[in-house]
Amino acid sequence: MLSKFEILVTILVLVFLFFIVISFGAGAFSKKEIKPETKRYLKSVNILLIIIAVVGIILAMFI
């Protein structure tokens, strides 16, 4: 069974991996200029990932 800390680290690592994969897929790491629609998409995805991380931290504290 995983401890509280290990669960928290796992959640944060998964959120970070999702960020990398989504940013890479949207072309954020390319040398071309990013379209405004893509910037808005990445901003909303970042907000969603922050919310997921915060909820994960709160849930891990109550385990």
N, C-alpha and C. Protein backbone atom coordinates (compact mmCIF):
# COMPACT_ATOMS: atom_id res chain seq x y z
N MET A 1 0.84 -1.18 0.00
CA MET A 1 0.00 0.00 0.00
C MET A 1 0.89 1.24 0.00
N LEU A 2 0.46 2.25 -0.73
CA LEU A 2 1.23 3.48 -0.82
C LEU A 2 0.92 4.39 0.37
N SER A 3 1.95 5.10 0.81
CA SER A 3 1.74 6.05 1.89
C SER A 3 1.15 7.34 1.34
N LYS A 4 0.81 8.24 2.23
CA LYS A 4 0.24 9.53 1.86
C LYS A 4 1.16 10.30 0.92
N PHE A 5 2.42 10.32 1.28
CA PHE A 5 3.41 11.07 0.50
C PHE A 5 3.58 10.46 -0.89
N GLU A 6 3.61 9.14 -0.98
CA GLU A 6 3.79 8.49 -2.27
C GLU A 6 2.59 8.72 -3.18
N ILE A 7 1.40 8.75 -2.62
CA ILE A 7 0.19 9.04 -3.41
C ILE A 7 0.25 10.47 -3.93
N LEU A 8 0.65 11.40 -3.09
CA LEU A 8 0.76 12.79 -3.48
C LEU A 8 1.79 12.97 -4.60
N VAL A 9 2.93 12.34 -4.46
CA VAL A 9 3.97 12.43 -5.49
C VAL A 9 3.47 11.81 -6.80
N THR A 10 2.77 10.69 -6.72
CA THR A 10 2.24 10.05 -7.92
C THR A 10 1.25 10.96 -8.63
N ILE A 11 0.36 11.59 -7.89
CA ILE A 11 -0.61 12.51 -8.49
C ILE A 11 0.10 13.67 -9.18
N LEU A 12 1.07 14.26 -8.51
CA LEU A 12 1.77 15.40 -9.08
C LEU A 12 2.60 15.03 -10.29
N VAL A 13 3.21 13.84 -10.28
CA VAL A 13 3.98 13.38 -11.44
C VAL A 13 3.05 13.15 -12.63
N LEU A 14 1.89 12.54 -12.39
CA LEU A 14 0.93 12.31 -13.48
C LEU A 14 0.42 13.63 -14.06
N VAL A 15 0.15 14.61 -13.21
CA VAL A 15 -0.29 15.92 -13.69
C VAL A 15 0.80 16.57 -14.53
N PHE A 16 2.05 16.46 -14.09
CA PHE A 16 3.17 17.02 -14.85
C PHE A 16 3.32 16.32 -16.20
N LEU A 17 3.17 15.00 -16.22
CA LEU A 17 3.27 14.26 -17.48
C LEU A 17 2.14 14.65 -18.43
N PHE A 18 0.93 14.81 -17.91
CA PHE A 18 -0.17 15.28 -18.74
C PHE A 18 0.14 16.65 -19.32
N PHE A 19 0.72 17.54 -18.52
CA PHE A 19 1.09 18.87 -19.00
C PHE A 19 2.09 18.77 -20.15
N ILE A 20 3.11 17.95 -19.99
CA ILE A 20 4.13 17.81 -21.03
C ILE A 20 3.52 17.25 -22.32
N VAL A 21 2.71 16.19 -22.20
CA VAL A 21 2.13 15.55 -23.38
C VAL A 21 1.17 16.50 -24.11
N ILE A 22 0.32 17.19 -23.37
CA ILE A 22 -0.64 18.11 -23.99
C ILE A 22 0.08 19.29 -24.62
N SER A 23 1.07 19.84 -23.95
CA SER A 23 1.82 20.96 -24.51
C SER A 23 2.58 20.54 -25.77
N PHE A 24 3.17 19.36 -25.73
CA PHE A 24 3.89 18.86 -26.90
C PHE A 24 2.93 18.63 -28.07
N GLY A 25 1.77 18.07 -27.79
CA GLY A 25 0.78 17.82 -28.84
C GLY A 25 0.21 19.10 -29.43
N ALA A 26 0.11 20.14 -28.62
CA ALA A 26 -0.43 21.41 -29.10
C ALA A 26 0.63 22.25 -29.80
N GLY A 27 1.87 21.82 -29.75
CA GLY A 27 2.93 22.54 -30.45
C GLY A 27 3.55 23.64 -29.64
N ALA A 28 3.45 23.59 -28.34
CA ALA A 28 4.01 24.65 -27.50
C ALA A 28 5.54 24.63 -27.51
N PHE A 29 6.14 23.49 -27.82
CA PHE A 29 7.59 23.39 -27.81
C PHE A 29 8.20 23.56 -29.20
N SER A 30 7.37 23.85 -30.19
CA SER A 30 7.90 24.03 -31.54
C SER A 30 8.44 25.45 -31.69
N LYS A 31 9.23 25.65 -32.72
CA LYS A 31 9.84 26.95 -32.93
C LYS A 31 8.92 27.91 -33.66
N LYS A 32 7.81 27.38 -34.19
CA LYS A 32 6.85 28.24 -34.88
C LYS A 32 6.03 29.04 -33.86
N GLU A 33 5.45 30.13 -34.34
CA GLU A 33 4.61 30.94 -33.46
C GLU A 33 3.29 30.20 -33.21
N ILE A 34 2.81 30.30 -31.98
CA ILE A 34 1.59 29.60 -31.58
C ILE A 34 0.39 30.48 -31.90
N LYS A 35 -0.66 29.87 -32.44
CA LYS A 35 -1.90 30.60 -32.76
C LYS A 35 -2.58 31.03 -31.46
N PRO A 36 -3.35 32.11 -31.51
CA PRO A 36 -4.07 32.56 -30.30
C PRO A 36 -5.05 31.52 -29.76
N GLU A 37 -5.67 30.74 -30.66
CA GLU A 37 -6.59 29.70 -30.20
C GLU A 37 -5.85 28.64 -29.39
N THR A 38 -4.65 28.30 -29.84
CA THR A 38 -3.85 27.31 -29.14
C THR A 38 -3.39 27.84 -27.79
N LYS A 39 -3.06 29.13 -27.74
CA LYS A 39 -2.67 29.73 -26.46
C LYS A 39 -3.81 29.68 -25.45
N ARG A 40 -5.03 29.99 -25.92
CA ARG A 40 -6.19 29.92 -25.03
C ARG A 40 -6.45 28.49 -24.58
N TYR A 41 -6.28 27.53 -25.50
CA TYR A 41 -6.45 26.12 -25.17
C TYR A 41 -5.45 25.70 -24.10
N LEU A 42 -4.19 26.05 -24.28
CA LEU A 42 -3.16 25.68 -23.30
C LEU A 42 -3.40 26.35 -21.96
N LYS A 43 -3.89 27.59 -21.99
CA LYS A 43 -4.17 28.28 -20.73
C LYS A 43 -5.29 27.57 -19.97
N SER A 44 -6.35 27.17 -20.68
CA SER A 44 -7.45 26.47 -20.01
C SER A 44 -7.01 25.09 -19.53
N VAL A 45 -6.16 24.42 -20.29
CA VAL A 45 -5.64 23.12 -19.86
C VAL A 45 -4.78 23.28 -18.62
N ASN A 46 -3.97 24.33 -18.58
CA ASN A 46 -3.13 24.58 -17.40
C ASN A 46 -3.98 24.84 -16.16
N ILE A 47 -5.07 25.60 -16.34
CA ILE A 47 -5.97 25.85 -15.21
C ILE A 47 -6.60 24.55 -14.73
N LEU A 48 -7.02 23.71 -15.67
CA LEU A 48 -7.60 22.42 -15.32
C LEU A 48 -6.60 21.54 -14.57
N LEU A 49 -5.36 21.51 -15.03
CA LEU A 49 -4.34 20.70 -14.37
C LEU A 49 -4.02 21.23 -12.97
N ILE A 50 -4.04 22.54 -12.80
CA ILE A 50 -3.82 23.12 -11.47
C ILE A 50 -4.95 22.72 -10.53
N ILE A 51 -6.19 22.76 -11.04
CA ILE A 51 -7.33 22.34 -10.21
C ILE A 51 -7.21 20.88 -9.83
N ILE A 52 -6.81 20.04 -10.78
CA ILE A 52 -6.64 18.61 -10.49
C ILE A 52 -5.54 18.41 -9.45
N ALA A 53 -4.44 19.15 -9.56
CA ALA A 53 -3.35 19.02 -8.59
C ALA A 53 -3.79 19.46 -7.20
N VAL A 54 -4.53 20.56 -7.12
CA VAL A 54 -4.99 21.06 -5.82
C VAL A 54 -5.96 20.06 -5.19
N VAL A 55 -6.89 19.54 -5.97
CA VAL A 55 -7.83 18.55 -5.45
C VAL A 55 -7.08 17.29 -5.02
N GLY A 56 -6.08 16.89 -5.77
CA GLY A 56 -5.27 15.73 -5.38
C GLY A 56 -4.53 15.95 -4.08
N ILE A 57 -4.00 17.15 -3.89
CA ILE A 57 -3.31 17.48 -2.64
C ILE A 57 -4.28 17.44 -1.47
N ILE A 58 -5.46 18.02 -1.66
CA ILE A 58 -6.46 18.02 -0.59
C ILE A 58 -6.88 16.59 -0.26
N LEU A 59 -7.14 15.80 -1.26
CA LEU A 59 -7.55 14.41 -1.02
C LEU A 59 -6.43 13.59 -0.36
N ALA A 60 -5.20 13.84 -0.76
CA ALA A 60 -4.09 13.10 -0.16
C ALA A 60 -3.91 13.44 1.32
N MET A 61 -4.28 14.65 1.69
CA MET A 61 -4.16 15.04 3.10
C MET A 61 -5.18 14.33 3.98
N PHE A 62 -6.31 13.95 3.40
CA PHE A 62 -7.36 13.31 4.18
C PHE A 62 -7.32 11.79 4.15
N ILE A 63 -6.33 11.23 3.49
CA ILE A 63 -6.22 9.77 3.44
C ILE A 63 -5.68 9.26 4.76
